[in-house]
Amino acid sequence: MEKSAHIIICDSSFCPTIINHCLLCYLSISLQAQQILDTAGAKCHSYLSELVKISISETTEDVDEYSEISDIYDIPVVSCKWVTLSHKCSKLLPEKAFPPEQSQNKLLRGVVCCTSHIGKSDSDSLWAMITFFGGKASRCITEETTHLFCISDTGSKFAKCLEMPSMKLVTPDWLIECI
């Protein structure tokens, strides 16, 4: 269930590093993000003002409202992932890494990636780059997986990739070159 067009006041229990009573605006957010904000004691208001510090929205489909928030008020707009992952990390994550879903201009839109035989640190870096540019990362190969990142021609994921002709087999360098 999604809510629309509210401004909320969030106290410091949302994240230890958030400024007390920082104003947020949300256009349409996920139930999980809403629950995190409700648990943090968020207060709802029905207007947009220059006091708002950040806006939360899953999409930019309402172009007029998105433009008003981002262009007129110069307020960063983030996705619900920013709320849930900032809460999980107990710190505010960079806003630019969590833009709302846009219908165009996403380099890796529609790309679903999985890694094989790649260290945790490198996998985490790949995950960050993939999601930043609009793709999705998965720990296992599914029907939706489009790319397998690997540095070795061994393992069950590699073998499964060979059985799926539509899946692309790539190295981490491929992503670096693309972006």
Foldseek 3Di string as FASTA:
>chain_A
DWDAWKKKFFACVLFVPDHGRQIETEGIADPVLVVSRVVRVIDIDRDDDLSHAAYEYQECVVVVVVCCQCPVSVHQYFYSCQSVVCSVVRHRDDRLLGHHDYPDDQLLAQAEEEEDPDDPVVVVVLQSLQVSSHHHYDHADDPSHAEYEYDDCDDDRNVVQVVDVRHYYHHPVVSVVSD
